[in-house]
Amino acid sequence: MEHSVEIMAGITFLVFGLSYILHAQDWIEWLETVRTGGRQSSLLMGAMHILLGSFIVAFHWVWSGWAMILTIIGLWAVAEGAVYLLFPSYLARFMGWMAPYYKLVLRGFGGAIVLLALAL
């Protein structure tokens, strides 16, 4: 099952990473919509993070080698989702701080997760 989760994550990371790089402006517009969407957007983002993170944590509890990175990502997603769900105003504040750097962050993060996808 752990290998299946790695394949799923690898495919997901690859597609998202390439999308972040190739369509950064579309993602920036979407992020602005999320930022201005208020607390409701935070709840949706929190739910998505909790669902993906808890799936990874439940089926990929690996603490050795490169595969450990995926477990850490799952735990991070659970923690991030919990913050967004329990403190919904946090997301808009965080994204407001990050807004001037959206394109740089998206392209850098996109490149990083493409590399992670290839490693998985």
PDB file of N, CA and C in Angstrom:
ATOM      1  N   MET A   1       0.816  -1.191   0.000  1.00  0.00           N
ATOM      2  CA  MET A   1       0.000   0.000   0.000  1.00  0.00           C
ATOM      3  C   MET A   1       0.869   1.268   0.000  1.00  0.00           C
ATOM      4  N   GLU A   2       1.993   1.212   0.709  1.00  0.00           N
ATOM      5  CA  GLU A   2       2.862   2.388   0.777  1.00  0.00           C
ATOM      6  C   GLU A   2       3.368   2.774  -0.609  1.00  0.00           C
ATOM      7  N   HIS A   3       3.724   1.771  -1.389  1.00  0.00           N
ATOM      8  CA  HIS A   3       4.205   2.039  -2.744  1.00  0.00           C
ATOM      9  C   HIS A   3       3.099   2.680  -3.595  1.00  0.00           C
ATOM     10  N   SER A   4       1.867   2.241  -3.427  1.00  0.00           N
ATOM     11  CA  SER A   4       0.735   2.816  -4.169  1.00  0.00           C
ATOM     12  C   SER A   4       0.545   4.286  -3.814  1.00  0.00           C
ATOM     13  N   VAL A   5       0.688   4.615  -2.541  1.00  0.00           N
ATOM     14  CA  VAL A   5       0.568   6.012  -2.116  1.00  0.00           C
ATOM     15  C   VAL A   5       1.697   6.838  -2.730  1.00  0.00           C
ATOM     16  N   GLU A   6       2.904   6.276  -2.802  1.00  0.00           N
ATOM     17  CA  GLU A   6       4.025   6.988  -3.416  1.00  0.00           C
ATOM     18  C   GLU A   6       3.757   7.255  -4.896  1.00  0.00           C
ATOM     19  N   ILE A   7       3.186   6.272  -5.594  1.00  0.00           N
ATOM     20  CA  ILE A   7       2.856   6.458  -7.009  1.00  0.00           C
ATOM     21  C   ILE A   7       1.785   7.532  -7.162  1.00  0.00           C
ATOM     22  N   MET A   8       0.737   7.470  -6.326  1.00  0.00           N
ATOM     23  CA  MET A   8      -0.329   8.468  -6.377  1.00  0.00           C
ATOM     24  C   MET A   8       0.232   9.860  -6.116  1.00  0.00           C
ATOM     25  N   ALA A   9       1.071   9.980  -5.093  1.00  0.00           N
ATOM     26  CA  ALA A   9       1.657  11.275  -4.757  1.00  0.00           C
ATOM     27  C   ALA A   9       2.581  11.744  -5.878  1.00  0.00           C
ATOM     28  N   GLY A  10       3.359  10.840  -6.440  1.00  0.00           N
ATOM     29  CA  GLY A  10       4.262  11.206  -7.524  1.00  0.00           C
ATOM     30  C   GLY A  10       3.517  11.765  -8.723  1.00  0.00           C
ATOM     31  N   ILE A  11       2.448  11.111  -9.121  1.00  0.00           N
ATOM     32  CA  ILE A  11       1.639  11.591 -10.248  1.00  0.00           C
ATOM     33  C   ILE A  11       1.022  12.942  -9.914  1.00  0.00           C
ATOM     34  N   THR A  12       0.441  13.050  -8.721  1.00  0.00           N
ATOM     35  CA  THR A  12      -0.201  14.298  -8.295  1.00  0.00           C
ATOM     36  C   THR A  12       0.805  15.440  -8.247  1.00  0.00           C
ATOM     37  N   PHE A  13       1.959  15.203  -7.633  1.00  0.00           N
ATOM     38  CA  PHE A  13       2.984  16.244  -7.510  1.00  0.00           C
ATOM     39  C   PHE A  13       3.498  16.662  -8.889  1.00  0.00           C
ATOM     40  N   LEU A  14       3.701  15.693  -9.773  1.00  0.00           N
ATOM     41  CA  LEU A  14       4.206  15.994 -11.112  1.00  0.00           C
ATOM     42  C   LEU A  14       3.240  16.917 -11.860  1.00  0.00           C
ATOM     43  N   VAL A  15       1.964  16.558 -11.866  1.00  0.00           N
ATOM     44  CA  VAL A  15       0.975  17.347 -12.606  1.00  0.00           C
ATOM     45  C   VAL A  15       0.809  18.734 -11.981  1.00  0.00           C
ATOM     46  N   PHE A  16       0.690  18.800 -10.642  1.00  0.00           N
ATOM     47  CA  PHE A  16       0.572  20.106  -9.993  1.00  0.00           C
ATOM     48  C   PHE A  16       1.823  20.943 -10.228  1.00  0.00           C
ATOM     49  N   GLY A  17       2.994  20.352 -10.074  1.00  0.00           N
ATOM     50  CA  GLY A  17       4.239  21.094 -10.253  1.00  0.00           C
ATOM     51  C   GLY A  17       4.363  21.678 -11.647  1.00  0.00           C
ATOM     52  N   LEU A  18       4.086  20.868 -12.659  1.00  0.00           N
ATOM     53  CA  LEU A  18       4.130  21.378 -14.031  1.00  0.00           C
ATOM     54  C   LEU A  18       3.091  22.467 -14.250  1.00  0.00           C
ATOM     55  N   SER A  19       1.921  22.295 -13.674  1.00  0.00           N
ATOM     56  CA  SER A  19       0.871  23.305 -13.792  1.00  0.00           C
ATOM     57  C   SER A  19       1.292  24.612 -13.142  1.00  0.00           C
ATOM     58  N   TYR A  20       1.923  24.535 -11.955  1.00  0.00           N
ATOM     59  CA  TYR A  20       2.413  25.748 -11.286  1.00  0.00           C
ATOM     60  C   TYR A  20       3.419  26.482 -12.157  1.00  0.00           C
ATOM     61  N   ILE A  21       4.287  25.734 -12.825  1.00  0.00           N
ATOM     62  CA  ILE A  21       5.332  26.338 -13.653  1.00  0.00           C
ATOM     63  C   ILE A  21       4.748  26.898 -14.950  1.00  0.00           C
ATOM     64  N   LEU A  22       3.929  26.103 -15.625  1.00  0.00           N
ATOM     65  CA  LEU A  22       3.422  26.477 -16.942  1.00  0.00           C
ATOM     66  C   LEU A  22       2.262  27.466 -16.902  1.00  0.00           C
ATOM     67  N   HIS A  23       1.497  27.464 -15.816  1.00  0.00           N
ATOM     68  CA  HIS A  23       0.297  28.310 -15.735  1.00  0.00           C
ATOM     69  C   HIS A  23       0.297  29.142 -14.459  1.00  0.00           C
ATOM     70  N   ALA A  24       1.449  29.716 -14.147  1.00  0.00           N
ATOM     71  CA  ALA A  24       1.592  30.478 -12.901  1.00  0.00           C
ATOM     72  C   ALA A  24       0.570  31.602 -12.803  1.00  0.00           C
ATOM     73  N   GLN A  25       0.316  32.307 -13.901  1.00  0.00           N
ATOM     74  CA  GLN A  25      -0.626  33.436 -13.841  1.00  0.00           C
ATOM     75  C   GLN A  25      -2.036  32.972 -13.495  1.00  0.00           C
ATOM     76  N   ASP A  26      -2.462  31.843 -14.019  1.00  0.00           N
ATOM     77  CA  ASP A  26      -3.788  31.305 -13.670  1.00  0.00           C
ATOM     78  C   ASP A  26      -3.856  30.968 -12.190  1.00  0.00           C
ATOM     79  N   TRP A  27      -2.777  30.385 -11.655  1.00  0.00           N
ATOM     80  CA  TRP A  27      -2.741  30.054 -10.230  1.00  0.00           C
ATOM     81  C   TRP A  27      -2.747  31.319  -9.377  1.00  0.00           C
ATOM     82  N   ILE A  28      -2.048  32.356  -9.835  1.00  0.00           N
ATOM     83  CA  ILE A  28      -2.031  33.616  -9.090  1.00  0.00           C
ATOM     84  C   ILE A  28      -3.438  34.192  -9.004  1.00  0.00           C
ATOM     85  N   GLU A  29      -4.161  34.174 -10.103  1.00  0.00           N
ATOM     86  CA  GLU A  29      -5.544  34.676 -10.101  1.00  0.00           C
ATOM     87  C   GLU A  29      -6.415  33.835  -9.176  1.00  0.00           C
ATOM     88  N   TRP A  30      -6.225  32.522  -9.203  1.00  0.00           N
ATOM     89  CA  TRP A  30      -7.014  31.652  -8.312  1.00  0.00           C
ATOM     90  C   TRP A  30      -6.668  31.933  -6.851  1.00  0.00           C
ATOM     91  N   LEU A  31      -5.372  32.099  -6.547  1.00  0.00           N
ATOM     92  CA  LEU A  31      -4.958  32.390  -5.171  1.00  0.00           C
ATOM     93  C   LEU A  31      -5.544  33.712  -4.688  1.00  0.00           C
ATOM     94  N   GLU A  32      -5.634  34.700  -5.560  1.00  0.00           N
ATOM     95  CA  GLU A  32      -6.261  35.975  -5.189  1.00  0.00           C
ATOM     96  C   GLU A  32      -7.744  35.767  -4.887  1.00  0.00           C
ATOM     97  N   THR A  33      -8.398  34.922  -5.654  1.00  0.00           N
ATOM     98  CA  THR A  33      -9.809  34.612  -5.396  1.00  0.00           C
ATOM     99  C   THR A  33      -9.960  33.934  -4.036  1.00  0.00           C
ATOM    100  N   VAL A  34      -9.070  33.020  -3.730  1.00  0.00           N
ATOM    101  CA  VAL A  34      -9.104  32.344  -2.430  1.00  0.00           C
ATOM    102  C   VAL A  34      -8.845  33.348  -1.311  1.00  0.00           C
ATOM    103  N   ARG A  35      -7.845  34.205  -1.502  1.00  0.00           N
ATOM    104  CA  ARG A  35      -7.496  35.185  -0.465  1.00  0.00           C
ATOM    105  C   ARG A  35      -8.655  36.125  -0.176  1.00  0.00           C
ATOM    106  N   THR A  36      -9.335  36.570  -1.212  1.00  0.00           N
ATOM    107  CA  THR A  36     -10.438  37.510  -1.013  1.00  0.00           C
ATOM    108  C   THR A  36     -11.746  36.796  -0.681  1.00  0.00           C
ATOM    109  N   GLY A  37     -11.750  35.475  -0.773  1.00  0.00           N
ATOM    110  CA  GLY A  37     -12.954  34.705  -0.475  1.00  0.00           C
ATOM    111  C   GLY A  37     -13.259  34.595   1.004  1.00  0.00           C
ATOM    112  N   GLY A  38     -12.334  35.036   1.827  1.00  0.00           N
ATOM    113  CA  GLY A  38     -12.568  35.069   3.265  1.00  0.00           C
ATOM    114  C   GLY A  38     -12.536  33.698   3.914  1.00  0.00           C
ATOM    115  N   ARG A  39     -13.238  33.622   5.016  1.00  0.00           N
ATOM    116  CA  ARG A  39     -13.220  32.441   5.867  1.00  0.00           C
ATOM    117  C   ARG A  39     -13.744  31.191   5.156  1.00  0.00           C
ATOM    118  N   GLN A  40     -14.687  31.350   4.244  1.00  0.00           N
ATOM    119  CA  GLN A  40     -15.233  30.189   3.533  1.00  0.00           C
ATOM    120  C   GLN A  40     -14.159  29.514   2.687  1.00  0.00           C
ATOM    121  N   SER A  41     -13.299  30.300   2.058  1.00  0.00           N
ATOM    122  CA  SER A  41     -12.211  29.724   1.262  1.00  0.00           C
ATOM    123  C   SER A  41     -11.238  28.958   2.152  1.00  0.00           C
ATOM    124  N   SER A  42     -11.011  29.489   3.340  1.00  0.00           N
ATOM    125  CA  SER A  42     -10.118  28.815   4.280  1.00  0.00           C
ATOM    126  C   SER A  42     -10.668  27.448   4.672  1.00  0.00           C
ATOM    127  N   LEU A  43     -11.966  27.374   4.856  1.00  0.00           N
ATOM    128  CA  LEU A  43     -12.570  26.094   5.230  1.00  0.00           C
ATOM    129  C   LEU A  43     -12.416  25.059   4.116  1.00  0.00           C
ATOM    130  N   LEU A  44     -12.595  25.481   2.875  1.00  0.00           N
ATOM    131  CA  LEU A  44     -12.426  24.568   1.743  1.00  0.00           C
ATOM    132  C   LEU A  44     -10.974  24.119   1.617  1.00  0.00           C
ATOM    133  N   MET A  45     -10.037  25.064   1.720  1.00  0.00           N
ATOM    134  CA  MET A  45      -8.614  24.711   1.643  1.00  0.00           C
ATOM    135  C   MET A  45      -8.232  23.774   2.790  1.00  0.00           C
ATOM    136  N   GLY A  46      -8.754  24.048   3.985  1.00  0.00           N
ATOM    137  CA  GLY A  46      -8.469  23.194   5.139  1.00  0.00           C
ATOM    138  C   GLY A  46      -8.980  21.781   4.928  1.00  0.00           C
ATOM    139  N   ALA A  47     -10.186  21.668   4.386  1.00  0.00           N
ATOM    140  CA  ALA A  47     -10.761  20.345   4.146  1.00  0.00           C
ATOM    141  C   ALA A  47      -9.924  19.564   3.133  1.00  0.00           C
ATOM    142  N   MET A  48      -9.472  20.229   2.067  1.00  0.00           N
ATOM    143  CA  MET A  48      -8.661  19.541   1.061  1.00  0.00           C
ATOM    144  C   MET A  48      -7.329  19.089   1.655  1.00  0.00           C
ATOM    145  N   HIS A  49      -6.702  19.942   2.465  1.00  0.00           N
ATOM    146  CA  HIS A  49      -5.436  19.575   3.090  1.00  0.00           C
ATOM    147  C   HIS A  49      -5.612  18.405   4.068  1.00  0.00           C
ATOM    148  N   ILE A  50      -6.649  18.465   4.880  1.00  0.00           N
ATOM    149  CA  ILE A  50      -6.899  17.390   5.853  1.00  0.00           C
ATOM    150  C   ILE A  50      -7.143  16.062   5.133  1.00  0.00           C
ATOM    151  N   LEU A  51      -7.944  16.086   4.082  1.00  0.00           N
ATOM    152  CA  LEU A  51      -8.245  14.842   3.372  1.00  0.00           C
ATOM    153  C   LEU A  51      -7.001  14.222   2.738  1.00  0.00           C
ATOM    154  N   LEU A  52      -6.239  15.010   2.006  1.00  0.00           N
ATOM    155  CA  LEU A  52      -5.041  14.464   1.365  1.00  0.00           C
ATOM    156  C   LEU A  52      -3.995  14.075   2.405  1.00  0.00           C
ATOM    157  N   GLY A  53      -3.775  14.940   3.390  1.00  0.00           N
ATOM    158  CA  GLY A  53      -2.777  14.652   4.413  1.00  0.00           C
ATOM    159  C   GLY A  53      -3.105  13.428   5.236  1.00  0.00           C
ATOM    160  N   SER A  54      -4.367  13.288   5.628  1.00  0.00           N
ATOM    161  CA  SER A  54      -4.733  12.130   6.447  1.00  0.00           C
ATOM    162  C   SER A  54      -4.658  10.837   5.637  1.00  0.00           C
ATOM    163  N   PHE A  55      -4.926  10.906   4.332  1.00  0.00           N
ATOM    164  CA  PHE A  55      -4.766   9.727   3.474  1.00  0.00           C
ATOM    165  C   PHE A  55      -3.309   9.287   3.456  1.00  0.00           C
ATOM    166  N   ILE A  56      -2.411  10.257   3.257  1.00  0.00           N
ATOM    167  CA  ILE A  56      -0.981   9.930   3.229  1.00  0.00           C
ATOM    168  C   ILE A  56      -0.537   9.363   4.571  1.00  0.00           C
ATOM    169  N   VAL A  57      -0.921  10.016   5.653  1.00  0.00           N
ATOM    170  CA  VAL A  57      -0.502   9.571   6.985  1.00  0.00           C
ATOM    171  C   VAL A  57      -1.061   8.181   7.302  1.00  0.00           C
ATOM    172  N   ALA A  58      -2.302   7.932   6.909  1.00  0.00           N
ATOM    173  CA  ALA A  58      -2.930   6.646   7.218  1.00  0.00           C
ATOM    174  C   ALA A  58      -2.296   5.483   6.460  1.00  0.00           C
ATOM    175  N   PHE A  59      -1.879   5.728   5.232  1.00  0.00           N
ATOM    176  CA  PHE A  59      -1.409   4.629   4.388  1.00  0.00           C
ATOM    177  C   PHE A  59       0.077   4.688   4.043  1.00  0.00           C
ATOM    178  N   HIS A  60       0.789   5.673   4.589  1.00  0.00           N
ATOM    179  CA  HIS A  60       2.207   5.791   4.274  1.00  0.00           C
ATOM    180  C   HIS A  60       2.972   6.280   5.503  1.00  0.00           C
ATOM    181  N   TRP A  61       3.034   5.474   6.520  1.00  0.00           N
ATOM    182  CA  TRP A  61       3.742   5.813   7.756  1.00  0.00           C
ATOM    183  C   TRP A  61       5.142   5.225   7.675  1.00  0.00           C
ATOM    184  N   VAL A  62       6.030   5.913   6.927  1.00  0.00           N
ATOM    185  CA  VAL A  62       7.384   5.433   6.668  1.00  0.00           C
ATOM    186  C   VAL A  62       8.365   6.442   7.241  1.00  0.00           C
ATOM    187  N   TRP A  63       9.318   5.951   8.043  1.00  0.00           N
ATOM    188  CA  TRP A  63      10.269   6.844   8.691  1.00  0.00           C
ATOM    189  C   TRP A  63      11.718   6.478   8.369  1.00  0.00           C
ATOM    190  N   SER A  64      11.965   6.086   7.118  1.00  0.00           N
ATOM    191  CA  SER A  64      13.336   5.809   6.697  1.00  0.00           C
ATOM    192  C   SER A  64      13.475   6.126   5.214  1.00  0.00           C
ATOM    193  N   GLY A  65      14.675   6.490   4.824  1.00  0.00           N
ATOM    194  CA  GLY A  65      14.962   6.764   3.425  1.00  0.00           C
ATOM    195  C   GLY A  65      14.198   7.961   2.878  1.00  0.00           C
ATOM    196  N   TRP A  66      14.228   8.053   1.545  1.00  0.00           N
ATOM    197  CA  TRP A  66      13.548   9.153   0.861  1.00  0.00           C
ATOM    198  C   TRP A  66      12.043   9.126   1.065  1.00  0.00           C
ATOM    199  N   ALA A  67      11.467   7.952   1.258  1.00  0.00           N
ATOM    200  CA  ALA A  67      10.017   7.827   1.418  1.00  0.00           C
ATOM    201  C   ALA A  67       9.518   8.581   2.644  1.00  0.00           C
ATOM    202  N   MET A  68      10.408   8.821   3.596  1.00  0.00           N
ATOM    203  CA  MET A  68      10.040   9.560   4.802  1.00  0.00           C
ATOM    204  C   MET A  68       9.555  10.969   4.460  1.00  0.00           C
ATOM    205  N   ILE A  69      10.062  11.540   3.372  1.00  0.00           N
ATOM    206  CA  ILE A  69       9.651  12.887   2.974  1.00  0.00           C
ATOM    207  C   ILE A  69       8.148  12.942   2.726  1.00  0.00           C
ATOM    208  N   LEU A  70       7.601  11.897   2.120  1.00  0.00           N
ATOM    209  CA  LEU A  70       6.165  11.871   1.846  1.00  0.00           C
ATOM    210  C   LEU A  70       5.359  11.817   3.145  1.00  0.00           C
ATOM    211  N   THR A  71       5.817  11.077   4.115  1.00  0.00           N
ATOM    212  CA  THR A  71       5.142  11.031   5.413  1.00  0.00           C
ATOM    213  C   THR A  71       5.154  12.414   6.063  1.00  0.00           C
ATOM    214  N   ILE A  72       6.280  13.098   5.977  1.00  0.00           N
ATOM    215  CA  ILE A  72       6.389  14.449   6.545  1.00  0.00           C
ATOM    216  C   ILE A  72       5.452  15.406   5.814  1.00  0.00           C
ATOM    217  N   ILE A  73       5.352  15.290   4.506  1.00  0.00           N
ATOM    218  CA  ILE A  73       4.420  16.121   3.737  1.00  0.00           C
ATOM    219  C   ILE A  73       2.985  15.855   4.189  1.00  0.00           C
ATOM    220  N   GLY A  74       2.650  14.586   4.410  1.00  0.00           N
ATOM    221  CA  GLY A  74       1.313  14.245   4.895  1.00  0.00           C
ATOM    222  C   GLY A  74       1.024  14.869   6.250  1.00  0.00           C
ATOM    223  N   LEU A  75       1.980  14.787   7.160  1.00  0.00           N
ATOM    224  CA  LEU A  75       1.796  15.395   8.482  1.00  0.00           C
ATOM    225  C   LEU A  75       1.674  16.907   8.372  1.00  0.00           C
ATOM    226  N   TRP A  76       2.472  17.503   7.497  1.00  0.00           N
ATOM    227  CA  TRP A  76       2.397  18.950   7.277  1.00  0.00           C
ATOM    228  C   TRP A  76       1.015  19.334   6.749  1.00  0.00           C
ATOM    229  N   ALA A  77       0.494  18.559   5.799  1.00  0.00           N
ATOM    230  CA  ALA A  77      -0.826  18.851   5.235  1.00  0.00           C
ATOM    231  C   ALA A  77      -1.916  18.744   6.297  1.00  0.00           C
ATOM    232  N   VAL A  78      -1.814  17.757   7.178  1.00  0.00           N
ATOM    233  CA  VAL A  78      -2.790  17.633   8.268  1.00  0.00           C
ATOM    234  C   VAL A  78      -2.716  18.855   9.184  1.00  0.00           C
ATOM    235  N   ALA A  79      -1.496  19.252   9.542  1.00  0.00           N
ATOM    236  CA  ALA A  79      -1.329  20.409  10.425  1.00  0.00           C
ATOM    237  C   ALA A  79      -1.837  21.683   9.758  1.00  0.00           C
ATOM    238  N   GLU A  80      -1.498  21.868   8.494  1.00  0.00           N
ATOM    239  CA  GLU A  80      -1.946  23.056   7.768  1.00  0.00           C
ATOM    240  C   GLU A  80      -3.468  23.070   7.643  1.00  0.00           C
ATOM    241  N   GLY A  81      -4.046  21.927   7.309  1.00  0.00           N
ATOM    242  CA  GLY A  81      -5.498  21.833   7.218  1.00  0.00           C
ATOM    243  C   GLY A  81      -6.173  22.142   8.538  1.00  0.00           C
ATOM    244  N   ALA A  82      -5.599  21.657   9.633  1.00  0.00           N
ATOM    245  CA  ALA A  82      -6.164  21.936  10.959  1.00  0.00           C
ATOM    246  C   ALA A  82      -6.134  23.431  11.264  1.00  0.00           C
ATOM    247  N   VAL A  83      -5.028  24.092  10.907  1.00  0.00           N
ATOM    248  CA  VAL A  83      -4.936  25.544  11.136  1.00  0.00           C
ATOM    249  C   VAL A  83      -6.006  26.271  10.323  1.00  0.00           C
ATOM    250  N   TYR A  84      -6.159  25.917   9.051  1.00  0.00           N
ATOM    251  CA  TYR A  84      -7.152  26.580   8.205  1.00  0.00           C
ATOM    252  C   TYR A  84      -8.575  26.340   8.696  1.00  0.00           C
ATOM    253  N   LEU A  85      -8.848  25.143   9.208  1.00  0.00           N
ATOM    254  CA  LEU A  85     -10.194  24.841   9.689  1.00  0.00           C
ATOM    255  C   LEU A  85     -10.481  25.457  11.062  1.00  0.00           C
ATOM    256  N   LEU A  86      -9.488  25.458  11.930  1.00  0.00           N
ATOM    257  CA  LEU A  86      -9.704  25.956  13.286  1.00  0.00           C
ATOM    258  C   LEU A  86      -9.505  27.467  13.405  1.00  0.00           C
ATOM    259  N   PHE A  87      -8.709  28.034  12.523  1.00  0.00           N
ATOM    260  CA  PHE A  87      -8.426  29.479  12.528  1.00  0.00           C
ATOM    261  C   PHE A  87      -8.605  30.021  11.110  1.00  0.00           C
ATOM    262  N   PRO A  88      -9.840  30.089  10.601  1.00  0.00           N
ATOM    263  CA  PRO A  88     -10.069  30.403   9.190  1.00  0.00           C
ATOM    264  C   PRO A  88      -9.564  31.770   8.734  1.00  0.00           C
ATOM    265  N   SER A  89      -9.388  32.714   9.618  1.00  0.00           N
ATOM    266  CA  SER A  89      -8.893  34.026   9.181  1.00  0.00           C
ATOM    267  C   SER A  89      -7.392  34.011   8.908  1.00  0.00           C
ATOM    268  N   TYR A  90      -6.689  32.964   9.320  1.00  0.00           N
ATOM    269  CA  TYR A  90      -5.242  32.873   9.131  1.00  0.00           C
ATOM    270  C   TYR A  90      -4.862  32.813   7.650  1.00  0.00           C
ATOM    271  N   LEU A  91      -5.619  32.076   6.862  1.00  0.00           N
ATOM    272  CA  LEU A  91      -5.274  31.878   5.455  1.00  0.00           C
ATOM    273  C   LEU A  91      -5.199  33.211   4.715  1.00  0.00           C
ATOM    274  N   ALA A  92      -6.185  34.073   4.881  1.00  0.00           N
ATOM    275  CA  ALA A  92      -6.193  35.363   4.182  1.00  0.00           C
ATOM    276  C   ALA A  92      -5.005  36.220   4.611  1.00  0.00           C
ATOM    277  N   ARG A  93      -4.670  36.205   5.894  1.00  0.00           N
ATOM    278  CA  ARG A  93      -3.519  36.983   6.371  1.00  0.00           C
ATOM    279  C   ARG A  93      -2.218  36.446   5.774  1.00  0.00           C
ATOM    280  N   PHE A  94      -2.065  35.133   5.778  1.00  0.00           N
ATOM    281  CA  PHE A  94      -0.856  34.523   5.233  1.00  0.00           C
ATOM    282  C   PHE A  94      -0.733  34.818   3.743  1.00  0.00           C
ATOM    283  N   MET A  95      -1.817  34.654   3.013  1.00  0.00           N
ATOM    284  CA  MET A  95      -1.778  34.874   1.576  1.00  0.00           C
ATOM    285  C   MET A  95      -1.580  36.352   1.247  1.00  0.00           C
ATOM    286  N   GLY A  96      -2.081  37.241   2.085  1.00  0.00           N
ATOM    287  CA  GLY A  96      -1.851  38.666   1.883  1.00  0.00           C
ATOM    288  C   GLY A  96      -0.377  39.003   1.998  1.00  0.00           C
ATOM    289  N   TRP A  97       0.300  38.366   2.938  1.00  0.00           N
ATOM    290  CA  TRP A  97       1.739  38.577   3.113  1.00  0.00           C
ATOM    291  C   TRP A  97       2.516  38.010   1.924  1.00  0.00           C
ATOM    292  N   MET A  98       2.044  36.891   1.396  1.00  0.00           N
ATOM    293  CA  MET A  98       2.754  36.189   0.336  1.00  0.00           C
ATOM    294  C   MET A  98       2.419  36.730  -1.059  1.00  0.00           C
ATOM    295  N   ALA A  99       1.344  37.503  -1.202  1.00  0.00           N
ATOM    296  CA  ALA A  99       0.853  37.940  -2.515  1.00  0.00           C
ATOM    297  C   ALA A  99       1.923  38.532  -3.428  1.00  0.00           C
ATOM    298  N   PRO A 100       2.814  39.401  -2.947  1.00  0.00           N
ATOM    299  CA  PRO A 100       3.807  39.971  -3.866  1.00  0.00           C
ATOM    300  C   PRO A 100       4.782  38.929  -4.441  1.00  0.00           C
ATOM    301  N   TYR A 101       4.852  37.780  -3.817  1.00  0.00           N
ATOM    302  CA  TYR A 101       5.814  36.757  -4.221  1.00  0.00           C
ATOM    303  C   TYR A 101       5.153  35.541  -4.873  1.00  0.00           C
ATOM    304  N   TYR A 102       3.870  35.618  -5.214  1.00  0.00           N
ATOM    305  CA  TYR A 102       3.140  34.468  -5.754  1.00  0.00           C
ATOM    306  C   TYR A 102       3.893  33.785  -6.890  1.00  0.00           C
ATOM    307  N   LYS A 103       4.288  34.552  -7.907  1.00  0.00           N
ATOM    308  CA  LYS A 103       4.900  33.936  -9.091  1.00  0.00           C
ATOM    309  C   LYS A 103       6.204  33.229  -8.732  1.00  0.00           C
ATOM    310  N   LEU A 104       7.044  33.874  -7.948  1.00  0.00           N
ATOM    311  CA  LEU A 104       8.306  33.271  -7.531  1.00  0.00           C
ATOM    312  C   LEU A 104       8.060  32.007  -6.702  1.00  0.00           C
ATOM    313  N   VAL A 105       7.137  32.087  -5.766  1.00  0.00           N
ATOM    314  CA  VAL A 105       6.831  30.942  -4.909  1.00  0.00           C
ATOM    315  C   VAL A 105       6.254  29.796  -5.728  1.00  0.00           C
ATOM    316  N   LEU A 106       5.318  30.104  -6.624  1.00  0.00           N
ATOM    317  CA  LEU A 106       4.706  29.051  -7.438  1.00  0.00           C
ATOM    318  C   LEU A 106       5.728  28.348  -8.321  1.00  0.00           C
ATOM    319  N   ARG A 107       6.572  29.105  -8.958  1.00  0.00           N
ATOM    320  CA  ARG A 107       7.560  28.479  -9.845  1.00  0.00           C
ATOM    321  C   ARG A 107       8.599  27.703  -9.053  1.00  0.00           C
ATOM    322  N   GLY A 108       9.048  28.243  -7.925  1.00  0.00           N
ATOM    323  CA  GLY A 108      10.006  27.527  -7.087  1.00  0.00           C
ATOM    324  C   GLY A 108       9.415  26.269  -6.496  1.00  0.00           C
ATOM    325  N   PHE A 109       8.198  26.395  -5.951  1.00  0.00           N
ATOM    326  CA  PHE A 109       7.519  25.242  -5.377  1.00  0.00           C
ATOM    327  C   PHE A 109       7.202  24.222  -6.465  1.00  0.00           C
ATOM    328  N   GLY A 110       6.784  24.704  -7.634  1.00  0.00           N
ATOM    329  CA  GLY A 110       6.499  23.804  -8.748  1.00  0.00           C
ATOM    330  C   GLY A 110       7.712  22.987  -9.132  1.00  0.00           C
ATOM    331  N   GLY A 111       8.864  23.650  -9.238  1.00  0.00           N
ATOM    332  CA  GLY A 111      10.104  22.938  -9.558  1.00  0.00           C
ATOM    333  C   GLY A 111      10.466  21.920  -8.495  1.00  0.00           C
ATOM    334  N   ALA A 112      10.297  22.307  -7.243  1.00  0.00           N
ATOM    335  CA  ALA A 112      10.634  21.400  -6.138  1.00  0.00           C
ATOM    336  C   ALA A 112       9.743  20.168  -6.144  1.00  0.00           C
ATOM    337  N   ILE A 113       8.440  20.345  -6.377  1.00  0.00           N
ATOM    338  CA  ILE A 113       7.576  19.156  -6.327  1.00  0.00           C
ATOM    339  C   ILE A 113       7.698  18.307  -7.582  1.00  0.00           C
ATOM    340  N   VAL A 114       8.113  18.911  -8.706  1.00  0.00           N
ATOM    341  CA  VAL A 114       8.399  18.089  -9.887  1.00  0.00           C
ATOM    342  C   VAL A 114       9.605  17.178  -9.575  1.00  0.00           C
ATOM    343  N   LEU A 115      10.627  17.729  -8.960  1.00  0.00           N
ATOM    344  CA  LEU A 115      11.784  16.920  -8.567  1.00  0.00           C
ATOM    345  C   LEU A 115      11.394  15.835  -7.570  1.00  0.00           C
ATOM    346  N   LEU A 116      10.545  16.202  -6.596  1.00  0.00           N
ATOM    347  CA  LEU A 116      10.064  15.206  -5.630  1.00  0.00           C
ATOM    348  C   LEU A 116       9.262  14.115  -6.333  1.00  0.00           C
ATOM    349  N   ALA A 117       8.424  14.511  -7.282  1.00  0.00           N
ATOM    350  CA  ALA A 117       7.634  13.527  -8.028  1.00  0.00           C
ATOM    351  C   ALA A 117       8.528  12.554  -8.771  1.00  0.00           C
ATOM    352  N   LEU A 118       9.571  13.063  -9.380  1.00  0.00           N
ATOM    353  CA  LEU A 118      10.494  12.192 -10.100  1.00  0.00           C
ATOM    354  C   LEU A 118      11.238  11.267  -9.147  1.00  0.00           C
ATOM    355  N   ALA A 119      11.528  11.751  -7.947  1.00  0.00           N
ATOM    356  CA  ALA A 119      12.201  10.908  -6.948  1.00  0.00           C
ATOM    357  C   ALA A 119      11.272   9.800  -6.445  1.00  0.00           C
ATOM    358  N   LEU A 120       9.975  10.105  -6.345  1.00  0.00           N
ATOM    359  CA  LEU A 120       9.036   9.088  -5.880  1.00  0.00           C
ATOM    360  C   LEU A 120       8.841   8.021  -6.934  1.00  0.00           C
TER     361      LEU A 120
END
